[in-house]
Protein backbone atom coordinates (compact mmCIF):
# COMPACT_ATOMS: atom_id res chain seq x y z
CA UNK A 1 54.02 151.23 188.88
CA UNK A 2 52.09 151.77 185.63
CA UNK A 3 52.24 148.91 183.17
CA UNK A 4 50.84 148.33 179.72
CA UNK A 5 50.11 145.14 177.81
CA UNK A 6 50.98 145.58 174.12
CA UNK A 7 49.83 143.06 171.50
CA UNK A 8 50.96 143.19 167.85
CA UNK A 9 48.39 141.68 165.49
CA UNK A 10 48.31 140.86 161.80
CA UNK A 11 45.26 139.10 160.38
CA UNK A 12 44.31 137.53 163.72
CA UNK A 13 40.52 137.42 163.27
CA UNK A 14 40.56 133.76 164.31
CA UNK A 15 42.01 134.54 167.73
CA UNK A 16 41.74 138.22 168.60
CA UNK A 17 38.37 138.18 170.38
CA UNK A 18 39.25 135.27 172.67
CA UNK A 19 42.70 136.66 173.43
CA UNK A 20 41.51 140.17 174.27
CA UNK A 21 38.63 138.89 176.41
CA UNK A 22 41.16 136.96 178.51
CA UNK A 23 43.79 139.71 178.60
CA UNK A 24 41.26 142.24 179.88
CA UNK A 25 40.69 139.97 182.86
CA UNK A 26 44.27 140.67 183.95
CA UNK A 27 45.11 144.11 182.54
CA UNK A 28 43.48 147.53 182.52
CA UNK A 29 45.74 149.25 179.99
CA UNK A 30 45.98 147.37 176.71
CA UNK A 31 47.39 148.53 173.38
CA UNK A 32 46.88 146.61 170.14
CA UNK A 33 49.19 147.37 167.22
CA UNK A 34 47.33 146.34 164.07
CA UNK A 35 50.09 145.85 161.54
CA UNK A 36 48.03 146.42 158.41
CA UNK A 37 45.53 143.57 158.79
CA UNK A 38 43.41 142.87 155.70
CA UNK A 39 40.92 140.47 157.34
CA UNK A 40 38.21 141.17 159.93
CA UNK A 41 40.69 142.06 162.68
CA UNK A 42 40.17 145.88 162.52
CA UNK A 43 36.39 145.50 162.82
CA UNK A 44 36.62 143.03 165.69
CA UNK A 45 38.94 145.34 167.63
CA UNK A 46 36.18 147.96 167.88
CA UNK A 47 34.29 145.63 170.23
CA UNK A 48 36.89 146.05 172.96
CA UNK A 49 37.88 148.96 175.17
CA UNK A 50 41.51 148.93 174.16
CA UNK A 51 43.76 151.46 172.47
CA UNK A 52 44.60 150.64 168.86
CA UNK A 53 47.38 151.90 166.61
CA UNK A 54 46.96 150.82 163.00
CA UNK A 55 49.81 150.65 160.52
CA UNK A 56 48.39 151.42 157.07
CA UNK A 57 50.44 148.57 155.59
CA UNK A 58 52.15 145.51 157.02
CA UNK A 59 55.47 146.86 158.33
CA UNK A 60 56.74 143.90 160.32
CA UNK A 61 56.99 142.49 163.82
CA UNK A 62 59.94 144.65 164.82
CA UNK A 63 58.20 147.83 163.72
CA UNK A 64 55.15 146.86 165.81
CA UNK A 65 57.37 146.35 168.83
CA UNK A 66 58.99 149.74 168.35
CA UNK A 67 55.54 151.32 168.02
CA UNK A 68 54.55 149.72 171.34
CA UNK A 69 57.71 150.96 173.07
CA UNK A 70 57.17 154.52 171.84
CA UNK A 71 53.53 154.52 172.95
CA UNK A 72 54.42 153.23 176.40
CA UNK A 73 57.07 155.91 176.83
CA UNK A 74 54.90 158.74 175.50
CA UNK A 75 52.04 157.80 177.82
CA UNK A 76 54.05 157.52 180.99
CA UNK A 77 54.11 153.77 181.54
CA UNK A 78 56.90 152.28 183.64
CA UNK A 79 56.74 148.82 182.06
CA UNK A 80 55.38 147.32 178.85
CA UNK A 81 54.47 143.64 178.62
CA UNK A 82 54.39 142.24 175.07
CA UNK A 83 52.59 139.11 173.97
CA UNK A 84 51.34 137.50 170.77
CA UNK A 85 47.71 137.24 169.67
CA UNK A 86 47.62 133.65 168.42
CA UNK A 87 46.86 131.96 171.75
CA UNK A 88 50.44 130.81 172.11
CA UNK A 89 50.94 133.09 175.12
CA UNK A 90 48.67 132.55 178.10
CA UNK A 91 47.15 135.77 179.53
CA UNK A 92 47.08 134.04 182.92
CA UNK A 93 50.88 134.47 183.00
CA UNK A 94 50.61 138.28 182.93
CA UNK A 95 50.64 138.60 186.77
CA UNK A 96 53.95 136.72 186.86
CA UNK A 97 55.51 139.38 184.66
CA UNK A 98 53.92 142.18 186.69
CA UNK A 99 55.29 140.72 189.93
CA UNK A 100 58.73 140.40 188.37
CA UNK A 101 58.62 144.01 187.21
CA UNK A 102 57.47 145.21 190.63
CA UNK A 103 60.44 143.52 192.30
CA UNK A 104 62.61 146.13 190.60
CA UNK A 105 65.73 143.99 190.10
CA UNK A 106 65.67 143.64 186.31
CA UNK A 107 65.17 145.65 183.13
CA UNK A 108 63.92 142.80 180.93
CA UNK A 109 61.90 139.80 182.06
CA UNK A 110 61.83 137.37 179.16
CA UNK A 111 59.58 134.36 178.80
CA UNK A 112 61.24 131.08 177.92
CA UNK A 113 59.52 128.03 176.49
CA UNK A 114 62.63 125.90 177.00
CA UNK A 115 63.59 126.26 180.64
CA UNK A 116 63.39 123.02 182.63
CA UNK A 117 60.33 124.43 184.45
CA UNK A 118 58.50 125.31 181.22
CA UNK A 119 55.43 123.20 180.55
CA UNK A 120 55.29 121.72 177.03
CA UNK A 121 51.76 121.49 175.66
CA UNK A 122 52.96 121.09 172.07
CA UNK A 123 56.04 120.41 169.99
CA UNK A 124 57.38 123.25 167.84
CA UNK A 125 58.08 122.74 164.15
CA UNK A 126 61.51 121.15 163.83
CA UNK A 127 63.01 123.98 161.76
CA UNK A 128 61.88 126.64 164.24
CA UNK A 129 63.30 124.74 167.19
CA UNK A 130 66.59 124.18 165.36
CA UNK A 131 66.94 127.85 164.43
CA UNK A 132 66.04 128.98 167.93
CA UNK A 133 68.60 126.60 169.43
CA UNK A 134 71.38 127.68 167.06
CA UNK A 135 70.78 131.41 167.43
CA UNK A 136 70.31 131.22 171.21
CA UNK A 137 73.59 129.33 171.47
CA UNK A 138 75.44 131.87 169.32
CA UNK A 139 74.03 134.82 171.27
CA UNK A 140 75.19 133.24 174.52
CA UNK A 141 78.64 132.47 173.14
CA UNK A 142 79.14 135.97 171.79
CA UNK A 143 77.50 137.96 174.56
CA UNK A 144 78.81 136.32 177.66
CA UNK A 145 77.27 133.02 178.57
CA UNK A 146 76.59 132.04 182.15
CA UNK A 147 80.04 133.01 183.43
CA UNK A 148 81.05 135.51 180.74
CA UNK A 149 81.72 139.22 181.12
CA UNK A 150 78.18 140.20 180.10
CA UNK A 151 76.40 137.45 181.99
CA UNK A 152 73.89 136.67 179.23
CA UNK A 153 72.69 133.09 179.34
CA UNK A 154 69.44 132.59 177.44
CA UNK A 155 67.39 129.48 176.79
CA UNK A 156 64.92 131.05 174.32
CA UNK A 157 66.06 133.96 172.15
CA UNK A 158 62.78 134.34 170.24
CA UNK A 159 59.94 134.28 172.77
CA UNK A 160 57.82 137.42 172.39
CA UNK A 161 56.24 137.20 175.86
CA UNK A 162 58.31 139.76 177.75
CA UNK A 163 58.24 142.66 180.18
CA UNK A 164 60.46 145.67 179.46
CA UNK A 165 61.32 148.55 181.77
CA UNK A 166 60.44 151.58 179.65
CA UNK A 167 63.25 153.73 181.06
CA UNK A 168 65.78 151.08 180.03
CA UNK A 169 64.44 151.01 176.47
CA UNK A 170 65.40 154.67 176.06
CA UNK A 171 69.07 153.65 175.96
CA UNK A 172 68.48 151.50 172.87
CA UNK A 173 68.47 152.53 169.19
CA UNK A 174 66.31 149.84 167.63
CA UNK A 175 65.72 149.93 163.88
CA UNK A 176 64.91 146.35 162.85
CA UNK A 177 61.41 146.02 161.33
CA UNK A 178 61.09 142.28 160.80
CA UNK A 179 61.29 138.97 162.61
CA UNK A 180 65.03 139.44 163.21
CA UNK A 181 64.15 142.10 165.79
CA UNK A 182 65.29 139.90 168.75
CA UNK A 183 68.78 139.62 167.24
CA UNK A 184 69.22 143.39 167.35
CA UNK A 185 67.53 143.68 170.72
CA UNK A 186 69.74 141.18 172.55
CA UNK A 187 72.95 142.77 171.26
CA UNK A 188 71.87 146.24 172.34
CA UNK A 189 70.56 144.95 175.68
CA UNK A 190 73.96 143.39 176.38
CA UNK A 191 75.88 146.43 175.13
CA UNK A 192 73.86 148.66 177.45
CA UNK A 193 74.22 146.23 180.35
CA UNK A 194 70.50 145.74 180.87
CA UNK A 195 69.61 143.36 183.68
CA UNK A 196 67.87 140.32 182.19
CA UNK A 197 65.92 137.48 183.76
CA UNK A 198 64.18 134.57 182.08
CA UNK A 199 60.96 133.07 183.44
CA UNK A 200 59.29 129.84 182.30
CA UNK A 201 56.19 130.04 180.11
CA UNK A 202 54.20 127.26 178.49
CA UNK A 203 55.26 125.98 175.08
CA UNK A 204 52.17 126.22 172.85
CA UNK A 205 51.99 125.93 169.06
CA UNK A 206 48.47 126.19 167.63
CA UNK A 207 49.27 126.84 163.99
CA UNK A 208 52.14 124.86 162.51
CA UNK A 209 51.60 126.40 159.08
CA UNK A 210 52.33 130.05 159.91
CA UNK A 211 54.67 131.69 157.45
CA UNK A 212 57.39 134.32 157.68
CA UNK A 213 56.77 135.68 154.20
CA UNK A 214 58.72 135.33 150.97
CA UNK A 215 62.16 133.73 151.07
CA UNK A 216 62.19 133.62 154.88
CA UNK A 217 59.84 130.65 154.71
CA UNK A 218 62.93 128.65 153.71
CA UNK A 219 64.55 127.67 157.00
CA UNK A 220 68.20 128.04 155.94
CA UNK A 221 67.56 131.43 154.34
CA UNK A 222 65.83 132.55 157.54
CA UNK A 223 68.71 131.30 159.66
CA UNK A 224 71.23 133.14 157.48
CA UNK A 225 69.19 136.33 157.69
CA UNK A 226 69.02 136.15 161.50
CA UNK A 227 72.74 135.50 161.72
CA UNK A 228 73.66 138.44 159.48
CA UNK A 229 71.42 140.82 161.44
CA UNK A 230 73.09 139.60 164.64
CA UNK A 231 76.57 140.11 163.17
CA UNK A 232 75.73 143.55 161.77
CA UNK A 233 74.53 144.66 165.20
CA UNK A 234 77.59 143.23 166.92
CA UNK A 235 79.75 145.26 164.54
CA UNK A 236 77.78 148.44 165.21
CA UNK A 237 78.04 147.99 168.99
CA UNK A 238 81.69 146.89 168.91
CA UNK A 239 82.90 149.78 171.06
CA UNK A 240 80.71 148.57 173.95
CA UNK A 241 81.33 144.84 173.64
CA UNK A 242 84.35 142.62 174.29
CA UNK A 243 86.40 141.69 171.18
CA UNK A 244 85.41 138.03 171.64
CA UNK A 245 81.84 138.93 170.70
CA UNK A 246 82.98 139.25 167.07
CA UNK A 247 85.20 136.16 166.95
CA UNK A 248 85.12 134.52 163.51
CA UNK A 249 82.92 137.22 161.99
CA UNK A 250 83.57 139.10 158.76
CA UNK A 251 85.14 142.48 159.42
CA UNK A 252 82.17 144.15 157.73
CA UNK A 253 79.13 141.82 157.99
CA UNK A 254 77.02 144.22 155.91
CA UNK A 255 79.41 143.91 152.95
CA UNK A 256 82.01 146.20 151.46
CA UNK A 257 80.17 147.18 148.30
CA UNK A 258 78.81 150.70 148.75
CA UNK A 259 76.41 150.06 145.88
CA UNK A 260 74.76 147.37 147.97
CA UNK A 261 73.57 149.85 150.58
CA UNK A 262 71.34 149.67 152.46
CA UNK A 263 72.23 146.25 153.78
CA UNK A 264 69.48 143.83 152.70
CA UNK A 265 69.57 142.17 156.11
CA UNK A 266 69.95 144.90 158.72
CA UNK A 267 68.92 147.94 156.66
CA UNK A 268 72.04 149.94 157.49
CA UNK A 269 72.48 152.86 155.13
C-alpha cells in the first residue's frame, strides 16, 4: 500500500518548519500544496525534502484538496492522508490513519474532534463549534443518520485530518474551491456509497483569531454559505439520494434567475 501525506498551506511560516519536521518522522512521501503564500512559507519549504505544488494565487482550501487528490492519483498512491499545517493536527496520529487504511474496510477515515474518545486540549471558538454542530446535524439528518438508508452518522463534519482511498475519489466530481468543500464532499461520498469511518483525534486550537476571508468572517453569513452549498449539491445528486435528503429545501437552491449564474455559493454555471 502506497500512501501520501498531503498538507495544504497558506502563509504558515510560523508553523511549517515544526510541522514538517514532525511529519517526516512518520511519513516518507509528503506533498505540500502552497496556496499562494505571500510570507516566508515558500522559502522555508526549500529546507525540506518534500514535493511542493505552488498555486500562483490563493485559490482556496477546496482547490488545494483537489490538487492533492489529483497528485496522489497521478503518482500511483493508494491512499492520501490530509492534515493542516497549523499544529492543530498531531503528526503522531498518522500511523492510526495508515493502520485504518491498511485494514481495507473503508474508503474514508475521518478524524473527529468530538467523539467521546477525543481528547480536548483546547476549546474551539463558540461560533465555529456552533456551525460545526448545526451542519453536522443537518448532514446526518439528510444523508442517513445512524440507522438511515445511507448510514452516515458523523460527529465532526469539518475536520481536515482524513485518509482517502484514491480509487474511491475517482468516482467523485468535486468542484468546490473554498472552505465549504466538506459540504460537497459528504454529499458525493454518500451518493457514491463510500464506506466511512470516524476516528478520534485531539481537539487543538492554537490560533483563535484565524479568519475565513471577507464576509465569511461573519458567522451567520458563513453558516448560510455552507448550507446553500450543501443544498446545491443535494439537488445535483438527487438521482442518487433518497427524496428525504431534500426535505424542506427550495426546489432550486441555486436560484431561478439565469442572470445570477454562476451560483455565488456553489459556482454552478
